[in-house]
Amino acid sequence: KTAVLKGSSLTDENDKVDRFLHPIYEKYKVLEAEFRAQPEAKKQDAA
């Protein structure tokens, strides 16, 4: 699991794209954190 993988251009490209997309996906975590921080009544507010 923690080993270093080398020689796989496919996996390297995957990691490259993951890093490219990561900042955008992190925005979901910001929304999730905001939602979790709300009081229960606000969480049930449809608007």
All heavy atoms as atom14 arrays in JSON, in Angstrom:
{
  "sequence": "KTAVLKGSSLTDENDKVDRFLHPIYEKYKVLEAEFRAQPEAKKQDAA",
  "atom14_mask": [
    [1, 1, 1, 1, 1, 1, 1, 1, 1, 0, 0, 0, 0, 0],
    [1, 1, 1, 1, 1, 1, 1, 0, 0, 0, 0, 0, 0, 0],
    [1, 1, 1, 1, 1, 0, 0, 0, 0, 0, 0, 0, 0, 0],
    [1, 1, 1, 1, 1, 1, 1, 0, 0, 0, 0, 0, 0, 0],
    [1, 1, 1, 1, 1, 1, 1, 1, 0, 0, 0, 0, 0, 0],
    [1, 1, 1, 1, 1, 1, 1, 1, 1, 0, 0, 0, 0, 0],
    [1, 1, 1, 1, 0, 0, 0, 0, 0, 0, 0, 0, 0, 0],
    [1, 1, 1, 1, 1, 1, 0, 0, 0, 0, 0, 0, 0, 0],
    [1, 1, 1, 1, 1, 1, 0, 0, 0, 0, 0, 0, 0, 0],
    [1, 1, 1, 1, 1, 1, 1, 1, 0, 0, 0, 0, 0, 0],
    [1, 1, 1, 1, 1, 1, 1, 0, 0, 0, 0, 0, 0, 0],
    [1, 1, 1, 1, 1, 1, 1, 1, 0, 0, 0, 0, 0, 0],
    [1, 1, 1, 1, 1, 1, 1, 1, 1, 0, 0, 0, 0, 0],
    [1, 1, 1, 1, 1, 1, 1, 1, 0, 0, 0, 0, 0, 0],
    [1, 1, 1, 1, 1, 1, 1, 1, 0, 0, 0, 0, 0, 0],
    [1, 1, 1, 1, 1, 1, 1, 1, 1, 0, 0, 0, 0, 0],
    [1, 1, 1, 1, 1, 1, 1, 0, 0, 0, 0, 0, 0, 0],
    [1, 1, 1, 1, 1, 1, 1, 1, 0, 0, 0, 0, 0, 0],
    [1, 1, 1, 1, 1, 1, 1, 1, 1, 1, 1, 0, 0, 0],
    [1, 1, 1, 1, 1, 1, 1, 1, 1, 1, 1, 0, 0, 0],
    [1, 1, 1, 1, 1, 1, 1, 1, 0, 0, 0, 0, 0, 0],
    [1, 1, 1, 1, 1, 1, 1, 1, 1, 1, 0, 0, 0, 0],
    [1, 1, 1, 1, 1, 1, 1, 0, 0, 0, 0, 0, 0, 0],
    [1, 1, 1, 1, 1, 1, 1, 1, 0, 0, 0, 0, 0, 0],
    [1, 1, 1, 1, 1, 1, 1, 1, 1, 1, 1, 1, 0, 0],
    [1, 1, 1, 1, 1, 1, 1, 1, 1, 0, 0, 0, 0, 0],
    [1, 1, 1, 1, 1, 1, 1, 1, 1, 0, 0, 0, 0, 0],
    [1, 1, 1, 1, 1, 1, 1, 1, 1, 1, 1, 1, 0, 0],
    [1, 1, 1, 1, 1, 1, 1, 1, 1, 0, 0, 0, 0, 0],
    [1, 1, 1, 1, 1, 1, 1, 0, 0, 0, 0, 0, 0, 0],
    [1, 1, 1, 1, 1, 1, 1, 1, 0, 0, 0, 0, 0, 0],
    [1, 1, 1, 1, 1, 1, 1, 1, 1, 0, 0, 0, 0, 0],
    [1, 1, 1, 1, 1, 0, 0, 0, 0, 0, 0, 0, 0, 0],
    [1, 1, 1, 1, 1, 1, 1, 1, 1, 0, 0, 0, 0, 0],
    [1, 1, 1, 1, 1, 1, 1, 1, 1, 1, 1, 0, 0, 0],
    [1, 1, 1, 1, 1, 1, 1, 1, 1, 1, 1, 0, 0, 0],
    [1, 1, 1, 1, 1, 0, 0, 0, 0, 0, 0, 0, 0, 0],
    [1, 1, 1, 1, 1, 1, 1, 1, 1, 0, 0, 0, 0, 0],
    [1, 1, 1, 1, 1, 1, 1, 0, 0, 0, 0, 0, 0, 0],
    [1, 1, 1, 1, 1, 1, 1, 1, 1, 0, 0, 0, 0, 0],
    [1, 1, 1, 1, 1, 0, 0, 0, 0, 0, 0, 0, 0, 0],
    [1, 1, 1, 1, 1, 1, 1, 1, 1, 0, 0, 0, 0, 0],
    [1, 1, 1, 1, 1, 1, 1, 1, 1, 0, 0, 0, 0, 0],
    [1, 1, 1, 1, 1, 1, 1, 1, 1, 0, 0, 0, 0, 0],
    [1, 1, 1, 1, 1, 1, 1, 1, 0, 0, 0, 0, 0, 0],
    [1, 1, 1, 1, 1, 0, 0, 0, 0, 0, 0, 0, 0, 0],
    [1, 1, 1, 1, 1, 0, 0, 0, 0, 0, 0, 0, 0, 0]
  ],
  "atom14_positions": [
    [[0.81, -1.21, 0.0], [0.0, 0.0, 0.0], [0.85, 1.26, 0.0], [0.51, 2.25, -0.66], [-0.94, -0.01, 1.21], [-1.93, 1.14, 1.23], [-2.89, 0.98, 2.41], [-3.92, 2.1, 2.42], [-4.89, 1.94, 3.55], [0.0, 0.0, 0.0], [0.0, 0.0, 0.0], [0.0, 0.0, 0.0], [0.0, 0.0, 0.0], [0.0, 0.0, 0.0]],
    [[1.95, 1.24, 0.74], [2.8, 2.42, 0.85], [4.04, 2.34, -0.05], [4.9, 3.21, 0.0], [3.25, 2.62, 2.3], [3.97, 1.45, 2.74], [2.05, 2.86, 3.21], [0.0, 0.0, 0.0], [0.0, 0.0, 0.0], [0.0, 0.0, 0.0], [0.0, 0.0, 0.0], [0.0, 0.0, 0.0], [0.0, 0.0, 0.0], [0.0, 0.0, 0.0]],
    [[4.1, 1.3, -0.87], [5.26, 1.11, -1.73], [5.3, 2.12, -2.87], [4.28, 2.72, -3.23], [5.25, -0.31, -2.3], [0.0, 0.0, 0.0], [0.0, 0.0, 0.0], [0.0, 0.0, 0.0], [0.0, 0.0, 0.0], [0.0, 0.0, 0.0], [0.0, 0.0, 0.0], [0.0, 0.0, 0.0], [0.0, 0.0, 0.0], [0.0, 0.0, 0.0]],
    [[6.47, 2.27, -3.47], [6.66, 3.18, -4.6], [6.5, 2.4, -5.9], [7.17, 1.38, -6.12], [8.05, 3.83, -4.55], [8.27, 4.69, -5.78], [8.19, 4.67, -3.27], [0.0, 0.0, 0.0], [0.0, 0.0, 0.0], [0.0, 0.0, 0.0], [0.0, 0.0, 0.0], [0.0, 0.0, 0.0], [0.0, 0.0, 0.0], [0.0, 0.0, 0.0]],
    [[5.61, 2.88, -6.75], [5.34, 2.24, -8.03], [6.03, 3.03, -9.14], [5.84, 4.23, -9.26], [3.83, 2.2, -8.28], [3.35, 1.53, -9.56], [3.51, 0.01, -9.45], [1.89, 1.87, -9.81], [0.0, 0.0, 0.0], [0.0, 0.0, 0.0], [0.0, 0.0, 0.0], [0.0, 0.0, 0.0], [0.0, 0.0, 0.0], [0.0, 0.0, 0.0]],
    [[6.82, 2.36, -9.95], [7.51, 3.02, -11.06], [7.33, 2.23, -12.35], [7.15, 1.01, -12.33], [9.0, 3.17, -10.75], [9.31, 4.12, -9.6], [10.82, 4.28, -9.42], [11.15, 5.28, -8.31], [12.62, 5.46, -8.14], [0.0, 0.0, 0.0], [0.0, 0.0, 0.0], [0.0, 0.0, 0.0], [0.0, 0.0, 0.0], [0.0, 0.0, 0.0]],
    [[7.41, 2.95, -13.47], [7.37, 2.3, -14.78], [6.0, 2.22, -15.41], [5.88, 1.79, -16.55], [0.0, 0.0, 0.0], [0.0, 0.0, 0.0], [0.0, 0.0, 0.0], [0.0, 0.0, 0.0], [0.0, 0.0, 0.0], [0.0, 0.0, 0.0], [0.0, 0.0, 0.0], [0.0, 0.0, 0.0], [0.0, 0.0, 0.0], [0.0, 0.0, 0.0]],
    [[4.96, 2.63, -14.69], [3.6, 2.58, -15.23], [3.19, 3.98, -15.7], [2.75, 4.82, -14.91], [2.61, 2.08, -14.17], [1.29, 2.15, -14.67], [0.0, 0.0, 0.0], [0.0, 0.0, 0.0], [0.0, 0.0, 0.0], [0.0, 0.0, 0.0], [0.0, 0.0, 0.0], [0.0, 0.0, 0.0], [0.0, 0.0, 0.0], [0.0, 0.0, 0.0]],
    [[3.36, 4.23, -17.0], [2.97, 5.54, -17.53], [1.48, 5.77, -17.38], [1.02, 6.9, -17.23], [3.37, 5.65, -19.0], [2.68, 4.69, -19.78], [0.0, 0.0, 0.0], [0.0, 0.0, 0.0], [0.0, 0.0, 0.0], [0.0, 0.0, 0.0], [0.0, 0.0, 0.0], [0.0, 0.0, 0.0], [0.0, 0.0, 0.0], [0.0, 0.0, 0.0]],
    [[0.72, 4.68, -17.39], [-0.73, 4.77, -17.23], [-1.1, 5.31, -15.85], [-1.9, 6.23, -15.7], [-1.36, 3.4, -17.44], [-1.17, 2.77, -18.81], [-1.52, 1.29, -18.76], [-2.01, 3.47, -19.84], [0.0, 0.0, 0.0], [0.0, 0.0, 0.0], [0.0, 0.0, 0.0], [0.0, 0.0, 0.0], [0.0, 0.0, 0.0], [0.0, 0.0, 0.0]],
    [[-0.51, 4.69, -14.83], [-0.8, 5.12, -13.45], [-0.28, 6.52, -13.2], [-0.92, 7.32, -12.5], [-0.18, 4.13, -12.45], [-0.62, 2.81, -12.78], [-0.59, 4.46, -11.02], [0.0, 0.0, 0.0], [0.0, 0.0, 0.0], [0.0, 0.0, 0.0], [0.0, 0.0, 0.0], [0.0, 0.0, 0.0], [0.0, 0.0, 0.0], [0.0, 0.0, 0.0]],
    [[0.88, 6.84, -13.77], [1.43, 8.19, -13.61], [0.47, 9.24, -14.18], [0.27, 10.3, -13.6], [2.79, 8.3, -14.3], [3.87, 7.51, -13.59], [3.65, 7.13, -12.43], [4.93, 7.27, -14.22], [0.0, 0.0, 0.0], [0.0, 0.0, 0.0], [0.0, 0.0, 0.0], [0.0, 0.0, 0.0], [0.0, 0.0, 0.0], [0.0, 0.0, 0.0]],
    [[-0.1, 8.93, -15.34], [-1.04, 9.88, -15.96], [-2.29, 10.01, -15.12], [-2.85, 11.09, -14.96], [-1.39, 9.43, -17.37], [-2.25, 10.41, -18.14], [-1.51, 11.69, -18.55], [-0.28, 11.74, -18.41], [-2.19, 12.63, -18.99], [0.0, 0.0, 0.0], [0.0, 0.0, 0.0], [0.0, 0.0, 0.0], [0.0, 0.0, 0.0], [0.0, 0.0, 0.0]],
    [[-2.73, 8.9, -14.55], [-3.89, 8.94, -13.67], [-3.63, 9.86, -12.49], [-4.47, 10.69, -12.12], [-4.2, 7.53, -13.17], [-5.32, 7.5, -12.15], [-6.44, 7.85, -12.47], [-5.01, 7.09, -10.94], [0.0, 0.0, 0.0], [0.0, 0.0, 0.0], [0.0, 0.0, 0.0], [0.0, 0.0, 0.0], [0.0, 0.0, 0.0], [0.0, 0.0, 0.0]],
    [[-2.47, 9.69, -11.87], [-2.12, 10.53, -10.72], [-2.05, 12.0, -11.11], [-2.46, 12.88, -10.35], [-0.78, 10.08, -10.13], [-0.85, 8.68, -9.53], [-1.97, 8.21, -9.27], [0.22, 8.06, -9.34], [0.0, 0.0, 0.0], [0.0, 0.0, 0.0], [0.0, 0.0, 0.0], [0.0, 0.0, 0.0], [0.0, 0.0, 0.0], [0.0, 0.0, 0.0]],
    [[-1.55, 12.26, -12.31], [-1.44, 13.63, -12.79], [-2.83, 14.27, -12.91], [-3.05, 15.42, -12.49], [-0.75, 13.64, -14.15], [-0.69, 14.99, -14.83], [-0.03, 14.87, -16.21], [-0.07, 16.18, -16.96], [0.53, 16.05, -18.33], [0.0, 0.0, 0.0], [0.0, 0.0, 0.0], [0.0, 0.0, 0.0], [0.0, 0.0, 0.0], [0.0, 0.0, 0.0]],
    [[-3.77, 13.52, -13.48], [-5.12, 14.06, -13.64], [-5.82, 14.18, -12.29], [-6.57, 15.13, -12.04], [-5.95, 13.18, -14.61], [-7.38, 13.68, -14.71], [-5.29, 13.17, -15.98], [0.0, 0.0, 0.0], [0.0, 0.0, 0.0], [0.0, 0.0, 0.0], [0.0, 0.0, 0.0], [0.0, 0.0, 0.0], [0.0, 0.0, 0.0], [0.0, 0.0, 0.0]],
    [[-5.57, 13.22, -11.41], [-6.13, 13.32, -10.05], [-5.69, 14.61, -9.37], [-6.49, 15.3, -8.73], [-5.69, 12.12, -9.21], [-6.55, 10.9, -9.45], [-7.61, 11.03, -10.09], [-6.15, 9.81, -8.99], [0.0, 0.0, 0.0], [0.0, 0.0, 0.0], [0.0, 0.0, 0.0], [0.0, 0.0, 0.0], [0.0, 0.0, 0.0], [0.0, 0.0, 0.0]],
    [[-4.41, 14.94, -9.5], [-3.89, 16.16, -8.89], [-4.52, 17.4, -9.52], [-4.79, 18.39, -8.85], [-2.36, 16.22, -9.01], [-1.63, 15.22, -8.16], [-0.13, 15.5, -8.11], [0.49, 15.35, -9.41], [0.99, 14.22, -9.87], [0.94, 13.12, -9.12], [1.57, 14.17, -11.07], [0.0, 0.0, 0.0], [0.0, 0.0, 0.0], [0.0, 0.0, 0.0]],
    [[-4.77, 17.32, -10.81], [-5.38, 18.43, -11.55], [-6.82, 18.67, -11.06], [-7.26, 19.82, -10.9], [-5.36, 18.1, -13.04], [-6.18, 19.04, -13.89], [-5.85, 20.38, -13.99], [-7.27, 18.57, -14.6], [-6.6, 21.25, -14.79], [-8.02, 19.42, -15.39], [-7.69, 20.76, -15.49], [0.0, 0.0, 0.0], [0.0, 0.0, 0.0], [0.0, 0.0, 0.0]],
    [[-7.55, 17.58, -10.81], [-8.96, 17.69, -10.42], [-9.16, 17.89, -8.92], [-10.22, 18.36, -8.49], [-9.73, 16.45, -10.87], [-9.89, 16.24, -12.37], [-10.52, 14.88, -12.64], [-10.73, 17.34, -12.99], [0.0, 0.0, 0.0], [0.0, 0.0, 0.0], [0.0, 0.0, 0.0], [0.0, 0.0, 0.0], [0.0, 0.0, 0.0], [0.0, 0.0, 0.0]],
    [[-8.15, 17.54, -8.15], [-8.28, 17.55, -6.69], [-8.79, 18.88, -6.12], [-9.72, 18.88, -5.3], [-6.95, 17.19, -6.04], [-6.99, 17.17, -4.54], [-7.61, 16.16, -3.82], [-6.51, 18.05, -3.62], [-7.5, 16.42, -2.53], [-6.84, 17.56, -2.38], [0.0, 0.0, 0.0], [0.0, 0.0, 0.0], [0.0, 0.0, 0.0], [0.0, 0.0, 0.0]],
    [[-8.26, 20.03, -6.53], [-8.76, 21.3, -5.96], [-10.25, 21.53, -6.22], [-10.93, 22.14, -5.39], [-7.91, 22.35, -6.67], [-6.67, 21.64, -7.1], [-7.14, 20.26, -7.46], [0.0, 0.0, 0.0], [0.0, 0.0, 0.0], [0.0, 0.0, 0.0], [0.0, 0.0, 0.0], [0.0, 0.0, 0.0], [0.0, 0.0, 0.0], [0.0, 0.0, 0.0]],
    [[-10.74, 21.04, -7.34], [-12.17, 21.22, -7.63], [-13.01, 20.31, -6.74], [-14.01, 20.73, -6.15], [-12.49, 20.94, -9.11], [-11.54, 21.72, -10.02], [-13.93, 21.32, -9.43], [-11.74, 21.45, -11.5], [0.0, 0.0, 0.0], [0.0, 0.0, 0.0], [0.0, 0.0, 0.0], [0.0, 0.0, 0.0], [0.0, 0.0, 0.0], [0.0, 0.0, 0.0]],
    [[-12.59, 19.04, -6.61], [-13.32, 18.11, -5.75], [-13.3, 18.56, -4.28], [-14.25, 18.29, -3.53], [-12.74, 16.7, -5.86], [-13.28, 15.91, -7.03], [-12.5, 15.71, -8.17], [-14.56, 15.38, -7.02], [-12.99, 15.0, -9.26], [-15.05, 14.67, -8.08], [-14.27, 14.48, -9.2], [-14.76, 13.77, -10.28], [0.0, 0.0, 0.0], [0.0, 0.0, 0.0]],
    [[-12.25, 19.25, -3.87], [-12.15, 19.73, -2.5], [-13.28, 20.71, -2.17], [-13.65, 20.87, -1.0], [-10.8, 20.4, -2.26], [-9.65, 19.41, -2.11], [-9.78, 18.58, -0.85], [-9.8, 19.16, 0.25], [-9.9, 17.34, -0.98], [0.0, 0.0, 0.0], [0.0, 0.0, 0.0], [0.0, 0.0, 0.0], [0.0, 0.0, 0.0], [0.0, 0.0, 0.0]],
    [[-13.84, 21.35, -3.19], [-14.94, 22.28, -2.96], [-16.17, 21.57, -2.4], [-16.96, 22.16, -1.67], [-15.29, 23.01, -4.25], [-14.18, 23.92, -4.77], [-14.57, 24.63, -6.06], [-13.45, 25.5, -6.59], [-13.83, 26.22, -7.83], [0.0, 0.0, 0.0], [0.0, 0.0, 0.0], [0.0, 0.0, 0.0], [0.0, 0.0, 0.0], [0.0, 0.0, 0.0]],
    [[-16.33, 20.3, -2.74], [-17.43, 19.52, -2.16], [-17.26, 19.39, -0.64], [-18.21, 19.46, 0.12], [-17.49, 18.12, -2.77], [-18.12, 18.05, -4.14], [-17.44, 17.43, -5.19], [-19.38, 18.57, -4.4], [-18.01, 17.33, -6.45], [-19.95, 18.48, -5.66], [-19.26, 17.86, -6.67], [-19.82, 17.77, -7.92], [0.0, 0.0, 0.0], [0.0, 0.0, 0.0]],
    [[-15.99, 19.19, -0.22], [-15.73, 19.05, 1.22], [-16.05, 20.34, 1.96], [-16.5, 20.32, 3.11], [-14.28, 18.66, 1.44], [-13.94, 17.25, 0.96], [-12.52, 16.88, 1.33], [-12.2, 15.46, 0.88], [-10.82, 15.06, 1.24], [0.0, 0.0, 0.0], [0.0, 0.0, 0.0], [0.0, 0.0, 0.0], [0.0, 0.0, 0.0], [0.0, 0.0, 0.0]],
    [[-15.82, 21.47, 1.31], [-16.16, 22.76, 1.92], [-17.67, 22.85, 2.15], [-18.13, 23.27, 3.21], [-15.69, 23.93, 1.03], [-16.18, 25.26, 1.59], [-14.17, 23.93, 0.92], [0.0, 0.0, 0.0], [0.0, 0.0, 0.0], [0.0, 0.0, 0.0], [0.0, 0.0, 0.0], [0.0, 0.0, 0.0], [0.0, 0.0, 0.0], [0.0, 0.0, 0.0]],
    [[-18.44, 22.44, 1.14], [-19.9, 22.44, 1.29], [-20.34, 21.48, 2.39], [-21.23, 21.79, 3.19], [-20.57, 22.05, -0.02], [-20.59, 23.07, -1.16], [-21.45, 22.55, -2.3], [-21.09, 24.42, -0.7], [0.0, 0.0, 0.0], [0.0, 0.0, 0.0], [0.0, 0.0, 0.0], [0.0, 0.0, 0.0], [0.0, 0.0, 0.0], [0.0, 0.0, 0.0]],
    [[-19.72, 20.31, 2.41], [-20.08, 19.32, 3.42], [-19.79, 19.85, 4.83], [-20.61, 19.7, 5.74], [-19.3, 18.03, 3.18], [-19.67, 16.92, 4.16], [-18.82, 15.67, 3.97], [-17.88, 15.71, 3.15], [-19.11, 14.68, 4.65], [0.0, 0.0, 0.0], [0.0, 0.0, 0.0], [0.0, 0.0, 0.0], [0.0, 0.0, 0.0], [0.0, 0.0, 0.0]],
    [[-18.62, 20.47, 4.99], [-18.26, 21.03, 6.29], [-19.24, 22.12, 6.7], [-19.64, 22.22, 7.87], [-16.84, 21.57, 6.25], [0.0, 0.0, 0.0], [0.0, 0.0, 0.0], [0.0, 0.0, 0.0], [0.0, 0.0, 0.0], [0.0, 0.0, 0.0], [0.0, 0.0, 0.0], [0.0, 0.0, 0.0], [0.0, 0.0, 0.0], [0.0, 0.0, 0.0]],
    [[-19.63, 22.95, 5.74], [-20.59, 24.01, 6.03], [-21.92, 23.41, 6.49], [-22.52, 23.88, 7.47], [-20.82, 24.87, 4.79], [-21.89, 25.95, 4.98], [-22.2, 26.7, 3.7], [-21.27, 26.93, 2.89], [-23.37, 27.08, 3.51], [0.0, 0.0, 0.0], [0.0, 0.0, 0.0], [0.0, 0.0, 0.0], [0.0, 0.0, 0.0], [0.0, 0.0, 0.0]],
    [[-22.37, 22.37, 5.78], [-23.64, 21.73, 6.13], [-23.59, 21.12, 7.53], [-24.5, 21.29, 8.34], [-23.98, 20.66, 5.09], [-25.24, 19.91, 5.38], [-26.48, 20.49, 5.19], [-25.18, 18.59, 5.82], [-27.65, 19.79, 5.46], [-26.34, 17.88, 6.09], [-27.58, 18.49, 5.9], [0.0, 0.0, 0.0], [0.0, 0.0, 0.0], [0.0, 0.0, 0.0]],
    [[-22.5, 20.42, 7.83], [-22.38, 19.76, 9.13], [-22.32, 20.77, 10.27], [-22.71, 20.46, 11.39], [-21.13, 18.88, 9.15], [-21.25, 17.63, 8.29], [-19.98, 16.8, 8.35], [-20.11, 15.54, 7.63], [-19.14, 14.66, 7.48], [-17.94, 14.91, 8.0], [-19.33, 13.54, 6.82], [0.0, 0.0, 0.0], [0.0, 0.0, 0.0], [0.0, 0.0, 0.0]],
    [[-21.83, 21.97, 10.01], [-21.69, 22.98, 11.05], [-23.01, 23.67, 11.39], [-23.1, 24.4, 12.38], [-20.66, 24.03, 10.62], [0.0, 0.0, 0.0], [0.0, 0.0, 0.0], [0.0, 0.0, 0.0], [0.0, 0.0, 0.0], [0.0, 0.0, 0.0], [0.0, 0.0, 0.0], [0.0, 0.0, 0.0], [0.0, 0.0, 0.0], [0.0, 0.0, 0.0]],
    [[-24.04, 23.44, 10.58], [-25.32, 24.12, 10.8], [-26.12, 23.46, 11.92], [-26.02, 22.26, 12.15], [-26.16, 24.1, 9.52], [-25.5, 24.72, 8.32], [-25.06, 26.15, 8.58], [-25.81, 26.95, 9.15], [-23.84, 26.47, 8.15], [0.0, 0.0, 0.0], [0.0, 0.0, 0.0], [0.0, 0.0, 0.0], [0.0, 0.0, 0.0], [0.0, 0.0, 0.0]],
    [[-26.94, 24.23, 12.62], [-27.84, 23.64, 13.6], [-28.85, 22.74, 12.89], [-29.09, 22.88, 11.69], [-28.53, 24.86, 14.24], [-28.38, 25.94, 13.24], [-27.07, 25.7, 12.54], [0.0, 0.0, 0.0], [0.0, 0.0, 0.0], [0.0, 0.0, 0.0], [0.0, 0.0, 0.0], [0.0, 0.0, 0.0], [0.0, 0.0, 0.0], [0.0, 0.0, 0.0]],
    [[-29.44, 21.82, 13.63], [-30.33, 20.83, 13.02], [-31.49, 21.48, 12.28], [-31.89, 21.0, 11.21], [-30.87, 19.88, 14.11], [-31.53, 18.62, 13.56], [-30.56, 17.77, 12.74], [-29.35, 17.76, 13.07], [-31.02, 17.14, 11.76], [0.0, 0.0, 0.0], [0.0, 0.0, 0.0], [0.0, 0.0, 0.0], [0.0, 0.0, 0.0], [0.0, 0.0, 0.0]],
    [[-32.02, 22.55, 12.81], [-33.15, 23.22, 12.15], [-32.74, 23.74, 10.77], [-33.52, 23.66, 9.81], [-33.64, 24.38, 13.01], [0.0, 0.0, 0.0], [0.0, 0.0, 0.0], [0.0, 0.0, 0.0], [0.0, 0.0, 0.0], [0.0, 0.0, 0.0], [0.0, 0.0, 0.0], [0.0, 0.0, 0.0], [0.0, 0.0, 0.0], [0.0, 0.0, 0.0]],
    [[-31.51, 24.26, 10.67], [-31.04, 24.77, 9.38], [-30.84, 23.63, 8.39], [-31.11, 23.77, 7.19], [-29.73, 25.52, 9.59], [-29.24, 26.29, 8.36], [-30.13, 27.48, 8.04], [-29.56, 28.34, 6.93], [-28.36, 29.09, 7.35], [0.0, 0.0, 0.0], [0.0, 0.0, 0.0], [0.0, 0.0, 0.0], [0.0, 0.0, 0.0], [0.0, 0.0, 0.0]],
    [[-30.39, 22.47, 8.9], [-30.19, 21.32, 8.03], [-31.5, 20.83, 7.43], [-31.51, 20.21, 6.37], [-29.52, 20.18, 8.8], [-28.09, 20.46, 9.21], [-27.52, 19.29, 9.99], [-26.08, 19.57, 10.43], [-25.54, 18.45, 11.23], [0.0, 0.0, 0.0], [0.0, 0.0, 0.0], [0.0, 0.0, 0.0], [0.0, 0.0, 0.0], [0.0, 0.0, 0.0]],
    [[-32.6, 21.09, 8.12], [-33.92, 20.68, 7.64], [-34.61, 21.76, 6.82], [-35.73, 21.56, 6.36], [-34.81, 20.29, 8.83], [-34.26, 19.16, 9.69], [-34.07, 17.88, 8.91], [-34.85, 17.58, 8.0], [-33.04, 17.1, 9.26], [0.0, 0.0, 0.0], [0.0, 0.0, 0.0], [0.0, 0.0, 0.0], [0.0, 0.0, 0.0], [0.0, 0.0, 0.0]],
    [[-33.95, 22.88, 6.65], [-34.52, 24.0, 5.89], [-34.36, 23.73, 4.4], [-33.25, 23.75, 3.85], [-33.78, 25.29, 6.28], [-34.35, 26.53, 5.59], [-35.12, 26.37, 4.62], [-34.03, 27.65, 6.03], [0.0, 0.0, 0.0], [0.0, 0.0, 0.0], [0.0, 0.0, 0.0], [0.0, 0.0, 0.0], [0.0, 0.0, 0.0], [0.0, 0.0, 0.0]],
    [[-35.47, 23.48, 3.72], [-35.43, 23.12, 2.3], [-34.77, 24.2, 1.44], [-34.03, 23.9, 0.5], [-36.84, 22.84, 1.79], [0.0, 0.0, 0.0], [0.0, 0.0, 0.0], [0.0, 0.0, 0.0], [0.0, 0.0, 0.0], [0.0, 0.0, 0.0], [0.0, 0.0, 0.0], [0.0, 0.0, 0.0], [0.0, 0.0, 0.0], [0.0, 0.0, 0.0]],
    [[-35.03, 25.46, 1.78], [-34.46, 26.56, 1.0], [-32.94, 26.57, 1.12], [-32.22, 26.79, 0.13], [-35.04, 27.89, 1.45], [0.0, 0.0, 0.0], [0.0, 0.0, 0.0], [0.0, 0.0, 0.0], [0.0, 0.0, 0.0], [0.0, 0.0, 0.0], [0.0, 0.0, 0.0], [0.0, 0.0, 0.0], [0.0, 0.0, 0.0], [0.0, 0.0, 0.0]]
  ]
}
